[in-house]
Amino acid sequence: SSYPDGVRHQGYEIYEQLQVGAEACV
């Protein structure tokens, strides 16, 4: 949400590597 376009993809990469995502929060 706040990094420049050139590095924003790294946030998606971090999230995609997680075995459990935010949807697991109950």
mmCIF file of all heavy atoms, coordinates in Angstrom:
data_MODEL
# 
_entry.id   MODEL 
# 
loop_
_atom_site.group_PDB 
_atom_site.id 
_atom_site.type_symbol 
_atom_site.label_atom_id 
_atom_site.label_alt_id 
_atom_site.label_comp_id 
_atom_site.label_asym_id 
_atom_site.label_entity_id 
_atom_site.label_seq_id 
_atom_site.pdbx_PDB_ins_code 
_atom_site.Cartn_x 
_atom_site.Cartn_y 
_atom_site.Cartn_z 
_atom_site.occupancy 
_atom_site.B_iso_or_equiv 
_atom_site.pdbx_formal_charge 
_atom_site.auth_seq_id 
_atom_site.auth_comp_id 
_atom_site.auth_asym_id 
_atom_site.auth_atom_id 
_atom_site.pdbx_PDB_model_num 
ATOM 1   N N   . SER A 1 1  ? 0.786   -1.230  0.000  1.00 0.00 ? 1  SER A N   1 
ATOM 2   C CA  . SER A 1 1  ? 0.000   0.000   0.000  1.00 0.00 ? 1  SER A CA  1 
ATOM 3   C C   . SER A 1 1  ? 0.821   1.284   0.000  1.00 0.00 ? 1  SER A C   1 
ATOM 4   O O   . SER A 1 1  ? 0.329   2.320   -0.412 1.00 0.00 ? 1  SER A O   1 
ATOM 5   C CB  . SER A 1 1  ? -0.960  0.013   1.193  1.00 0.00 ? 1  SER A CB  1 
ATOM 6   O OG  . SER A 1 1  ? -0.239  0.048   2.404  1.00 0.00 ? 1  SER A OG  1 
ATOM 7   N N   . SER A 1 2  ? 2.088   1.221   0.426  1.00 0.00 ? 2  SER A N   1 
ATOM 8   C CA  . SER A 1 2  ? 2.804   2.489   0.547  1.00 0.00 ? 2  SER A CA  1 
ATOM 9   C C   . SER A 1 2  ? 4.195   2.535   -0.082 1.00 0.00 ? 2  SER A C   1 
ATOM 10  O O   . SER A 1 2  ? 4.791   3.602   -0.115 1.00 0.00 ? 2  SER A O   1 
ATOM 11  C CB  . SER A 1 2  ? 2.910   2.879   2.028  1.00 0.00 ? 2  SER A CB  1 
ATOM 12  O OG  . SER A 1 2  ? 3.630   1.912   2.752  1.00 0.00 ? 2  SER A OG  1 
ATOM 13  N N   . TYR A 1 3  ? 4.700   1.424   -0.569 1.00 0.00 ? 3  TYR A N   1 
ATOM 14  C CA  . TYR A 1 3  ? 6.020   1.447   -1.198 1.00 0.00 ? 3  TYR A CA  1 
ATOM 15  C C   . TYR A 1 3  ? 5.895   1.874   -2.657 1.00 0.00 ? 3  TYR A C   1 
ATOM 16  O O   . TYR A 1 3  ? 4.834   1.737   -3.261 1.00 0.00 ? 3  TYR A O   1 
ATOM 17  C CB  . TYR A 1 3  ? 6.675   0.067   -1.120 1.00 0.00 ? 3  TYR A CB  1 
ATOM 18  C CG  . TYR A 1 3  ? 7.321   -0.261  0.204  1.00 0.00 ? 3  TYR A CG  1 
ATOM 19  C CD1 . TYR A 1 3  ? 6.854   0.261   1.408  1.00 0.00 ? 3  TYR A CD1 1 
ATOM 20  C CD2 . TYR A 1 3  ? 8.407   -1.107  0.270  1.00 0.00 ? 3  TYR A CD2 1 
ATOM 21  C CE1 . TYR A 1 3  ? 7.443   -0.054  2.617  1.00 0.00 ? 3  TYR A CE1 1 
ATOM 22  C CE2 . TYR A 1 3  ? 9.004   -1.423  1.486  1.00 0.00 ? 3  TYR A CE2 1 
ATOM 23  C CZ  . TYR A 1 3  ? 8.522   -0.889  2.642  1.00 0.00 ? 3  TYR A CZ  1 
ATOM 24  O OH  . TYR A 1 3  ? 9.109   -1.200  3.840  1.00 0.00 ? 3  TYR A OH  1 
ATOM 25  N N   . PRO A 1 4  ? 6.980   2.364   -3.255 1.00 0.00 ? 4  PRO A N   1 
ATOM 26  C CA  . PRO A 1 4  ? 6.957   2.745   -4.675 1.00 0.00 ? 4  PRO A CA  1 
ATOM 27  C C   . PRO A 1 4  ? 6.645   1.545   -5.570 1.00 0.00 ? 4  PRO A C   1 
ATOM 28  O O   . PRO A 1 4  ? 6.904   0.392   -5.201 1.00 0.00 ? 4  PRO A O   1 
ATOM 29  C CB  . PRO A 1 4  ? 8.372   3.245   -4.941 1.00 0.00 ? 4  PRO A CB  1 
ATOM 30  C CG  . PRO A 1 4  ? 8.956   3.546   -3.607 1.00 0.00 ? 4  PRO A CG  1 
ATOM 31  C CD  . PRO A 1 4  ? 8.273   2.643   -2.622 1.00 0.00 ? 4  PRO A CD  1 
ATOM 32  N N   . ASP A 1 5  ? 6.104   1.826   -6.729 1.00 0.00 ? 5  ASP A N   1 
ATOM 33  C CA  . ASP A 1 5  ? 5.696   0.772   -7.663 1.00 0.00 ? 5  ASP A CA  1 
ATOM 34  C C   . ASP A 1 5  ? 6.798   -0.252  -7.937 1.00 0.00 ? 5  ASP A C   1 
ATOM 35  O O   . ASP A 1 5  ? 6.521   -1.435  -8.057 1.00 0.00 ? 5  ASP A O   1 
ATOM 36  C CB  . ASP A 1 5  ? 5.235   1.378   -8.997 1.00 0.00 ? 5  ASP A CB  1 
ATOM 37  C CG  . ASP A 1 5  ? 3.917   2.113   -8.862 1.00 0.00 ? 5  ASP A CG  1 
ATOM 38  O OD1 . ASP A 1 5  ? 3.164   1.828   -7.905 1.00 0.00 ? 5  ASP A OD1 1 
ATOM 39  O OD2 . ASP A 1 5  ? 3.640   2.974   -9.719 1.00 0.00 ? 5  ASP A OD2 1 
ATOM 40  N N   . GLY A 1 6  ? 8.033   0.180   -8.017 1.00 0.00 ? 6  GLY A N   1 
ATOM 41  C CA  . GLY A 1 6  ? 9.129   -0.713  -8.360 1.00 0.00 ? 6  GLY A CA  1 
ATOM 42  C C   . GLY A 1 6  ? 9.431   -1.789  -7.336 1.00 0.00 ? 6  GLY A C   1 
ATOM 43  O O   . GLY A 1 6  ? 10.048  -2.803  -7.657 1.00 0.00 ? 6  GLY A O   1 
ATOM 44  N N   . VAL A 1 7  ? 9.014   -1.595  -6.096 1.00 0.00 ? 7  VAL A N   1 
ATOM 45  C CA  . VAL A 1 7  ? 9.290   -2.587  -5.060 1.00 0.00 ? 7  VAL A CA  1 
ATOM 46  C C   . VAL A 1 7  ? 8.027   -3.130  -4.401 1.00 0.00 ? 7  VAL A C   1 
ATOM 47  O O   . VAL A 1 7  ? 8.095   -3.990  -3.536 1.00 0.00 ? 7  VAL A O   1 
ATOM 48  C CB  . VAL A 1 7  ? 10.243  -2.028  -3.973 1.00 0.00 ? 7  VAL A CB  1 
ATOM 49  C CG1 . VAL A 1 7  ? 11.621  -1.792  -4.531 1.00 0.00 ? 7  VAL A CG1 1 
ATOM 50  C CG2 . VAL A 1 7  ? 9.683   -0.774  -3.350 1.00 0.00 ? 7  VAL A CG2 1 
ATOM 51  N N   . ARG A 1 8  ? 6.894   -2.617  -4.794 1.00 0.00 ? 8  ARG A N   1 
ATOM 52  C CA  . ARG A 1 8  ? 5.611   -3.037  -4.217 1.00 0.00 ? 8  ARG A CA  1 
ATOM 53  C C   . ARG A 1 8  ? 5.405   -4.554  -4.351 1.00 0.00 ? 8  ARG A C   1 
ATOM 54  O O   . ARG A 1 8  ? 4.825   -5.193  -3.472 1.00 0.00 ? 8  ARG A O   1 
ATOM 55  C CB  . ARG A 1 8  ? 4.494   -2.282  -4.924 1.00 0.00 ? 8  ARG A CB  1 
ATOM 56  C CG  . ARG A 1 8  ? 3.153   -2.441  -4.306 1.00 0.00 ? 8  ARG A CG  1 
ATOM 57  C CD  . ARG A 1 8  ? 2.187   -1.480  -4.918 1.00 0.00 ? 8  ARG A CD  1 
ATOM 58  N NE  . ARG A 1 8  ? 2.550   -0.151  -4.438 1.00 0.00 ? 8  ARG A NE  1 
ATOM 59  C CZ  . ARG A 1 8  ? 2.114   0.970   -4.960 1.00 0.00 ? 8  ARG A CZ  1 
ATOM 60  N NH1 . ARG A 1 8  ? 1.310   0.947   -5.982 1.00 0.00 ? 8  ARG A NH1 1 
ATOM 61  N NH2 . ARG A 1 8  ? 2.483   2.124   -4.472 1.00 0.00 ? 8  ARG A NH2 1 
ATOM 62  N N   . HIS A 1 9  ? 5.896   -5.122  -5.410 1.00 0.00 ? 9  HIS A N   1 
ATOM 63  C CA  . HIS A 1 9  ? 5.738   -6.560  -5.655 1.00 0.00 ? 9  HIS A CA  1 
ATOM 64  C C   . HIS A 1 9  ? 6.335   -7.403  -4.534 1.00 0.00 ? 9  HIS A C   1 
ATOM 65  O O   . HIS A 1 9  ? 5.905   -8.534  -4.297 1.00 0.00 ? 9  HIS A O   1 
ATOM 66  C CB  . HIS A 1 9  ? 6.367   -6.957  -6.996 1.00 0.00 ? 9  HIS A CB  1 
ATOM 67  C CG  . HIS A 1 9  ? 7.858   -6.798  -7.013 1.00 0.00 ? 9  HIS A CG  1 
ATOM 68  N ND1 . HIS A 1 9  ? 8.706   -7.827  -6.667 1.00 0.00 ? 9  HIS A ND1 1 
ATOM 69  C CD2 . HIS A 1 9  ? 8.651   -5.737  -7.304 1.00 0.00 ? 9  HIS A CD2 1 
ATOM 70  C CE1 . HIS A 1 9  ? 9.960   -7.404  -6.764 1.00 0.00 ? 9  HIS A CE1 1 
ATOM 71  N NE2 . HIS A 1 9  ? 9.944   -6.132  -7.146 1.00 0.00 ? 9  HIS A NE2 1 
ATOM 72  N N   . GLN A 1 10 ? 7.306   -6.862  -3.827 1.00 0.00 ? 10 GLN A N   1 
ATOM 73  C CA  . GLN A 1 10 ? 7.935   -7.616  -2.745 1.00 0.00 ? 10 GLN A CA  1 
ATOM 74  C C   . GLN A 1 10 ? 6.941   -7.918  -1.618 1.00 0.00 ? 10 GLN A C   1 
ATOM 75  O O   . GLN A 1 10 ? 7.017   -8.960  -0.981 1.00 0.00 ? 10 GLN A O   1 
ATOM 76  C CB  . GLN A 1 10 ? 9.136   -6.858  -2.196 1.00 0.00 ? 10 GLN A CB  1 
ATOM 77  C CG  . GLN A 1 10 ? 10.266  -6.774  -3.197 1.00 0.00 ? 10 GLN A CG  1 
ATOM 78  C CD  . GLN A 1 10 ? 11.424  -5.931  -2.699 1.00 0.00 ? 10 GLN A CD  1 
ATOM 79  O OE1 . GLN A 1 10 ? 11.333  -5.252  -1.672 1.00 0.00 ? 10 GLN A OE1 1 
ATOM 80  N NE2 . GLN A 1 10 ? 12.526  -5.964  -3.427 1.00 0.00 ? 10 GLN A NE2 1 
ATOM 81  N N   . GLY A 1 11 ? 5.998   -7.025  -1.403 1.00 0.00 ? 11 GLY A N   1 
ATOM 82  C CA  . GLY A 1 11 ? 4.958   -7.280  -0.408 1.00 0.00 ? 11 GLY A CA  1 
ATOM 83  C C   . GLY A 1 11 ? 4.116   -8.473  -0.791 1.00 0.00 ? 11 GLY A C   1 
ATOM 84  O O   . GLY A 1 11 ? 3.799   -9.327  0.036  1.00 0.00 ? 11 GLY A O   1 
ATOM 85  N N   . TYR A 1 12 ? 3.740   -8.540  -2.074 1.00 0.00 ? 12 TYR A N   1 
ATOM 86  C CA  . TYR A 1 12 ? 2.967   -9.696  -2.556 1.00 0.00 ? 12 TYR A CA  1 
ATOM 87  C C   . TYR A 1 12 ? 3.777   -10.980 -2.427 1.00 0.00 ? 12 TYR A C   1 
ATOM 88  O O   . TYR A 1 12 ? 3.252   -12.021 -2.068 1.00 0.00 ? 12 TYR A O   1 
ATOM 89  C CB  . TYR A 1 12 ? 2.542   -9.499  -4.010 1.00 0.00 ? 12 TYR A CB  1 
ATOM 90  C CG  . TYR A 1 12 ? 1.474   -8.465  -4.199 1.00 0.00 ? 12 TYR A CG  1 
ATOM 91  C CD1 . TYR A 1 12 ? 1.722   -7.306  -4.930 1.00 0.00 ? 12 TYR A CD1 1 
ATOM 92  C CD2 . TYR A 1 12 ? 0.200   -8.631  -3.661 1.00 0.00 ? 12 TYR A CD2 1 
ATOM 93  C CE1 . TYR A 1 12 ? 0.731   -6.355  -5.116 1.00 0.00 ? 12 TYR A CE1 1 
ATOM 94  C CE2 . TYR A 1 12 ? -0.796  -7.689  -3.846 1.00 0.00 ? 12 TYR A CE2 1 
ATOM 95  C CZ  . TYR A 1 12 ? -0.518  -6.555  -4.566 1.00 0.00 ? 12 TYR A CZ  1 
ATOM 96  O OH  . TYR A 1 12 ? -1.499  -5.620  -4.746 1.00 0.00 ? 12 TYR A OH  1 
ATOM 97  N N   . GLU A 1 13 ? 5.076   -10.888 -2.717 1.00 0.00 ? 13 GLU A N   1 
ATOM 98  C CA  . GLU A 1 13 ? 5.934   -12.073 -2.625 1.00 0.00 ? 13 GLU A CA  1 
ATOM 99  C C   . GLU A 1 13 ? 6.022   -12.580 -1.181 1.00 0.00 ? 13 GLU A C   1 
ATOM 100 O O   . GLU A 1 13 ? 5.966   -13.785 -0.944 1.00 0.00 ? 13 GLU A O   1 
ATOM 101 C CB  . GLU A 1 13 ? 7.324   -11.763 -3.180 1.00 0.00 ? 13 GLU A CB  1 
ATOM 102 C CG  . GLU A 1 13 ? 7.324   -11.562 -4.680 1.00 0.00 ? 13 GLU A CG  1 
ATOM 103 C CD  . GLU A 1 13 ? 8.638   -11.041 -5.223 1.00 0.00 ? 13 GLU A CD  1 
ATOM 104 O OE1 . GLU A 1 13 ? 9.622   -10.912 -4.451 1.00 0.00 ? 13 GLU A OE1 1 
ATOM 105 O OE2 . GLU A 1 13 ? 8.687   -10.732 -6.424 1.00 0.00 ? 13 GLU A OE2 1 
ATOM 106 N N   . ILE A 1 14 ? 6.161   -11.669 -0.241 1.00 0.00 ? 14 ILE A N   1 
ATOM 107 C CA  . ILE A 1 14 ? 6.201   -12.061 1.171  1.00 0.00 ? 14 ILE A CA  1 
ATOM 108 C C   . ILE A 1 14 ? 4.904   -12.772 1.536  1.00 0.00 ? 14 ILE A C   1 
ATOM 109 O O   . ILE A 1 14 ? 4.913   -13.841 2.150  1.00 0.00 ? 14 ILE A O   1 
ATOM 110 C CB  . ILE A 1 14 ? 6.415   -10.832 2.079  1.00 0.00 ? 14 ILE A CB  1 
ATOM 111 C CG1 . ILE A 1 14 ? 7.836   -10.313 1.932  1.00 0.00 ? 14 ILE A CG1 1 
ATOM 112 C CG2 . ILE A 1 14 ? 6.094   -11.162 3.535  1.00 0.00 ? 14 ILE A CG2 1 
ATOM 113 C CD1 . ILE A 1 14 ? 8.075   -8.980  2.617  1.00 0.00 ? 14 ILE A CD1 1 
ATOM 114 N N   . TYR A 1 15 ? 3.790   -12.178 1.140  1.00 0.00 ? 15 TYR A N   1 
ATOM 115 C CA  . TYR A 1 15 ? 2.490   -12.744 1.502  1.00 0.00 ? 15 TYR A CA  1 
ATOM 116 C C   . TYR A 1 15 ? 2.267   -14.111 0.860  1.00 0.00 ? 15 TYR A C   1 
ATOM 117 O O   . TYR A 1 15 ? 1.759   -15.027 1.504  1.00 0.00 ? 15 TYR A O   1 
ATOM 118 C CB  . TYR A 1 15 ? 1.375   -11.777 1.109  1.00 0.00 ? 15 TYR A CB  1 
ATOM 119 C CG  . TYR A 1 15 ? 0.030   -12.175 1.659  1.00 0.00 ? 15 TYR A CG  1 
ATOM 120 C CD1 . TYR A 1 15 ? -0.208  -12.180 3.023  1.00 0.00 ? 15 TYR A CD1 1 
ATOM 121 C CD2 . TYR A 1 15 ? -1.002  -12.548 0.813  1.00 0.00 ? 15 TYR A CD2 1 
ATOM 122 C CE1 . TYR A 1 15 ? -1.432  -12.555 3.547  1.00 0.00 ? 15 TYR A CE1 1 
ATOM 123 C CE2 . TYR A 1 15 ? -2.241  -12.917 1.320  1.00 0.00 ? 15 TYR A CE2 1 
ATOM 124 C CZ  . TYR A 1 15 ? -2.450  -12.916 2.680  1.00 0.00 ? 15 TYR A CZ  1 
ATOM 125 O OH  . TYR A 1 15 ? -3.666  -13.286 3.187  1.00 0.00 ? 15 TYR A OH  1 
ATOM 126 N N   . GLU A 1 16 ? 2.661   -14.258 -0.394 1.00 0.00 ? 16 GLU A N   1 
ATOM 127 C CA  . GLU A 1 16 ? 2.460   -15.526 -1.100 1.00 0.00 ? 16 GLU A CA  1 
ATOM 128 C C   . GLU A 1 16 ? 3.296   -16.656 -0.512 1.00 0.00 ? 16 GLU A C   1 
ATOM 129 O O   . GLU A 1 16 ? 2.942   -17.823 -0.647 1.00 0.00 ? 16 GLU A O   1 
ATOM 130 C CB  . GLU A 1 16 ? 2.764   -15.344 -2.586 1.00 0.00 ? 16 GLU A CB  1 
ATOM 131 C CG  . GLU A 1 16 ? 1.713   -14.499 -3.287 1.00 0.00 ? 16 GLU A CG  1 
ATOM 132 C CD  . GLU A 1 16 ? 2.116   -14.071 -4.685 1.00 0.00 ? 16 GLU A CD  1 
ATOM 133 O OE1 . GLU A 1 16 ? 3.241   -14.403 -5.143 1.00 0.00 ? 16 GLU A OE1 1 
ATOM 134 O OE2 . GLU A 1 16 ? 1.312   -13.372 -5.325 1.00 0.00 ? 16 GLU A OE2 1 
ATOM 135 N N   . GLN A 1 17 ? 4.391   -16.330 0.158  1.00 0.00 ? 17 GLN A N   1 
ATOM 136 C CA  . GLN A 1 17 ? 5.247   -17.353 0.751  1.00 0.00 ? 17 GLN A CA  1 
ATOM 137 C C   . GLN A 1 17 ? 4.725   -17.861 2.097  1.00 0.00 ? 17 GLN A C   1 
ATOM 138 O O   . GLN A 1 17 ? 5.182   -18.889 2.589  1.00 0.00 ? 17 GLN A O   1 
ATOM 139 C CB  . GLN A 1 17 ? 6.668   -16.822 0.926  1.00 0.00 ? 17 GLN A CB  1 
ATOM 140 C CG  . GLN A 1 17 ? 7.378   -16.617 -0.386 1.00 0.00 ? 17 GLN A CG  1 
ATOM 141 C CD  . GLN A 1 17 ? 8.766   -16.036 -0.205 1.00 0.00 ? 17 GLN A CD  1 
ATOM 142 O OE1 . GLN A 1 17 ? 9.291   -15.965 0.902  1.00 0.00 ? 17 GLN A OE1 1 
ATOM 143 N NE2 . GLN A 1 17 ? 9.369   -15.619 -1.298 1.00 0.00 ? 17 GLN A NE2 1 
ATOM 144 N N   . LEU A 1 18 ? 3.778   -17.152 2.677  1.00 0.00 ? 18 LEU A N   1 
ATOM 145 C CA  . LEU A 1 18 ? 3.238   -17.573 3.963  1.00 0.00 ? 18 LEU A CA  1 
ATOM 146 C C   . LEU A 1 18 ? 2.340   -18.799 3.802  1.00 0.00 ? 18 LEU A C   1 
ATOM 147 O O   . LEU A 1 18 ? 1.580   -18.885 2.847  1.00 0.00 ? 18 LEU A O   1 
ATOM 148 C CB  . LEU A 1 18 ? 2.429   -16.433 4.598  1.00 0.00 ? 18 LEU A CB  1 
ATOM 149 C CG  . LEU A 1 18 ? 3.197   -15.162 4.916  1.00 0.00 ? 18 LEU A CG  1 
ATOM 150 C CD1 . LEU A 1 18 ? 2.247   -14.084 5.402  1.00 0.00 ? 18 LEU A CD1 1 
ATOM 151 C CD2 . LEU A 1 18 ? 4.270   -15.437 5.960  1.00 0.00 ? 18 LEU A CD2 1 
ATOM 152 N N   . GLN A 1 19 ? 2.440   -19.710 4.723  1.00 0.00 ? 19 GLN A N   1 
ATOM 153 C CA  . GLN A 1 19 ? 1.606   -20.907 4.657  1.00 0.00 ? 19 GLN A CA  1 
ATOM 154 C C   . GLN A 1 19 ? 0.179   -20.621 5.101  1.00 0.00 ? 19 GLN A C   1 
ATOM 155 O O   . GLN A 1 19 ? -0.751  -21.311 4.697  1.00 0.00 ? 19 GLN A O   1 
ATOM 156 C CB  . GLN A 1 19 ? 2.216   -22.016 5.508  1.00 0.00 ? 19 GLN A CB  1 
ATOM 157 C CG  . GLN A 1 19 ? 3.511   -22.531 4.933  1.00 0.00 ? 19 GLN A CG  1 
ATOM 158 C CD  . GLN A 1 19 ? 4.071   -23.688 5.733  1.00 0.00 ? 19 GLN A CD  1 
ATOM 159 O OE1 . GLN A 1 19 ? 3.540   -24.072 6.764  1.00 0.00 ? 19 GLN A OE1 1 
ATOM 160 N NE2 . GLN A 1 19 ? 5.155   -24.249 5.247  1.00 0.00 ? 19 GLN A NE2 1 
ATOM 161 N N   . VAL A 1 20 ? 0.018   -19.611 5.949  1.00 0.00 ? 20 VAL A N   1 
ATOM 162 C CA  . VAL A 1 20 ? -1.306  -19.234 6.456  1.00 0.00 ? 20 VAL A CA  1 
ATOM 163 C C   . VAL A 1 20 ? -1.485  -17.745 6.211  1.00 0.00 ? 20 VAL A C   1 
ATOM 164 O O   . VAL A 1 20 ? -0.637  -16.944 6.595  1.00 0.00 ? 20 VAL A O   1 
ATOM 165 C CB  . VAL A 1 20 ? -1.410  -19.535 7.972  1.00 0.00 ? 20 VAL A CB  1 
ATOM 166 C CG1 . VAL A 1 20 ? -2.753  -19.091 8.510  1.00 0.00 ? 20 VAL A CG1 1 
ATOM 167 C CG2 . VAL A 1 20 ? -1.182  -21.005 8.242  1.00 0.00 ? 20 VAL A CG2 1 
ATOM 168 N N   . GLY A 1 21 ? -2.571  -17.381 5.572  1.00 0.00 ? 21 GLY A N   1 
ATOM 169 C CA  . GLY A 1 21 ? -2.814  -15.982 5.261  1.00 0.00 ? 21 GLY A CA  1 
ATOM 170 C C   . GLY A 1 21 ? -3.725  -15.302 6.264  1.00 0.00 ? 21 GLY A C   1 
ATOM 171 O O   . GLY A 1 21 ? -4.170  -15.901 7.258  1.00 0.00 ? 21 GLY A O   1 
ATOM 172 N N   . ALA A 1 22 ? -4.046  -14.066 5.991  1.00 0.00 ? 22 ALA A N   1 
ATOM 173 C CA  . ALA A 1 22 ? -4.871  -13.254 6.880  1.00 0.00 ? 22 ALA A CA  1 
ATOM 174 C C   . ALA A 1 22 ? -6.280  -13.821 7.035  1.00 0.00 ? 22 ALA A C   1 
ATOM 175 O O   . ALA A 1 22 ? -6.941  -13.592 8.050  1.00 0.00 ? 22 ALA A O   1 
ATOM 176 C CB  . ALA A 1 22 ? -4.934  -11.821 6.370  1.00 0.00 ? 22 ALA A CB  1 
ATOM 177 N N   . GLU A 1 23 ? -6.728  -14.582 6.059  1.00 0.00 ? 23 GLU A N   1 
ATOM 178 C CA  . GLU A 1 23 ? -8.076  -15.163 6.126  1.00 0.00 ? 23 GLU A CA  1 
ATOM 179 C C   . GLU A 1 23 ? -8.222  -16.173 7.262  1.00 0.00 ? 23 GLU A C   1 
ATOM 180 O O   . GLU A 1 23 ? -9.328  -16.516 7.662  1.00 0.00 ? 23 GLU A O   1 
ATOM 181 C CB  . GLU A 1 23 ? -8.461  -15.817 4.789  1.00 0.00 ? 23 GLU A CB  1 
ATOM 182 C CG  . GLU A 1 23 ? -7.773  -17.133 4.506  1.00 0.00 ? 23 GLU A CG  1 
ATOM 183 C CD  . GLU A 1 23 ? -6.329  -17.016 4.040  1.00 0.00 ? 23 GLU A CD  1 
ATOM 184 O OE1 . GLU A 1 23 ? -5.863  -15.903 3.732  1.00 0.00 ? 23 GLU A OE1 1 
ATOM 185 O OE2 . GLU A 1 23 ? -5.657  -18.054 3.991  1.00 0.00 ? 23 GLU A OE2 1 
ATOM 186 N N   . ALA A 1 24 ? -7.104  -16.629 7.804  1.00 0.00 ? 24 ALA A N   1 
ATOM 187 C CA  . ALA A 1 24 ? -7.146  -17.608 8.899  1.00 0.00 ? 24 ALA A CA  1 
ATOM 188 C C   . ALA A 1 24 ? -7.521  -16.971 10.237 1.00 0.00 ? 24 ALA A C   1 
ATOM 189 O O   . ALA A 1 24 ? -7.835  -17.683 11.186 1.00 0.00 ? 24 ALA A O   1 
ATOM 190 C CB  . ALA A 1 24 ? -5.797  -18.310 9.016  1.00 0.00 ? 24 ALA A CB  1 
ATOM 191 N N   . CYS A 1 25 ? -7.513  -15.661 10.305 1.00 0.00 ? 25 CYS A N   1 
ATOM 192 C CA  . CYS A 1 25 ? -7.890  -14.980 11.547 1.00 0.00 ? 25 CYS A CA  1 
ATOM 193 C C   . CYS A 1 25 ? -9.370  -15.216 11.818 1.00 0.00 ? 25 CYS A C   1 
ATOM 194 O O   . CYS A 1 25 ? -10.219 -14.963 10.971 1.00 0.00 ? 25 CYS A O   1 
ATOM 195 C CB  . CYS A 1 25 ? -7.611  -13.480 11.433 1.00 0.00 ? 25 CYS A CB  1 
ATOM 196 S SG  . CYS A 1 25 ? -8.207  -12.524 12.835 1.00 0.00 ? 25 CYS A SG  1 
ATOM 197 N N   . VAL A 1 26 ? -9.670  -15.698 13.021 1.00 0.00 ? 26 VAL A N   1 
ATOM 198 C CA  . VAL A 1 26 ? -11.062 -15.956 13.406 1.00 0.00 ? 26 VAL A CA  1 
ATOM 199 C C   . VAL A 1 26 ? -11.573 -14.899 14.395 1.00 0.00 ? 26 VAL A C   1 
ATOM 200 O O   . VAL A 1 26 ? -12.626 -15.059 15.005 1.00 0.00 ? 26 VAL A O   1 
ATOM 201 C CB  . VAL A 1 26 ? -11.236 -17.376 13.994 1.00 0.00 ? 26 VAL A CB  1 
ATOM 202 C CG1 . VAL A 1 26 ? -10.953 -18.430 12.941 1.00 0.00 ? 26 VAL A CG1 1 
ATOM 203 C CG2 . VAL A 1 26 ? -10.357 -17.564 15.219 1.00 0.00 ? 26 VAL A CG2 1 
# 
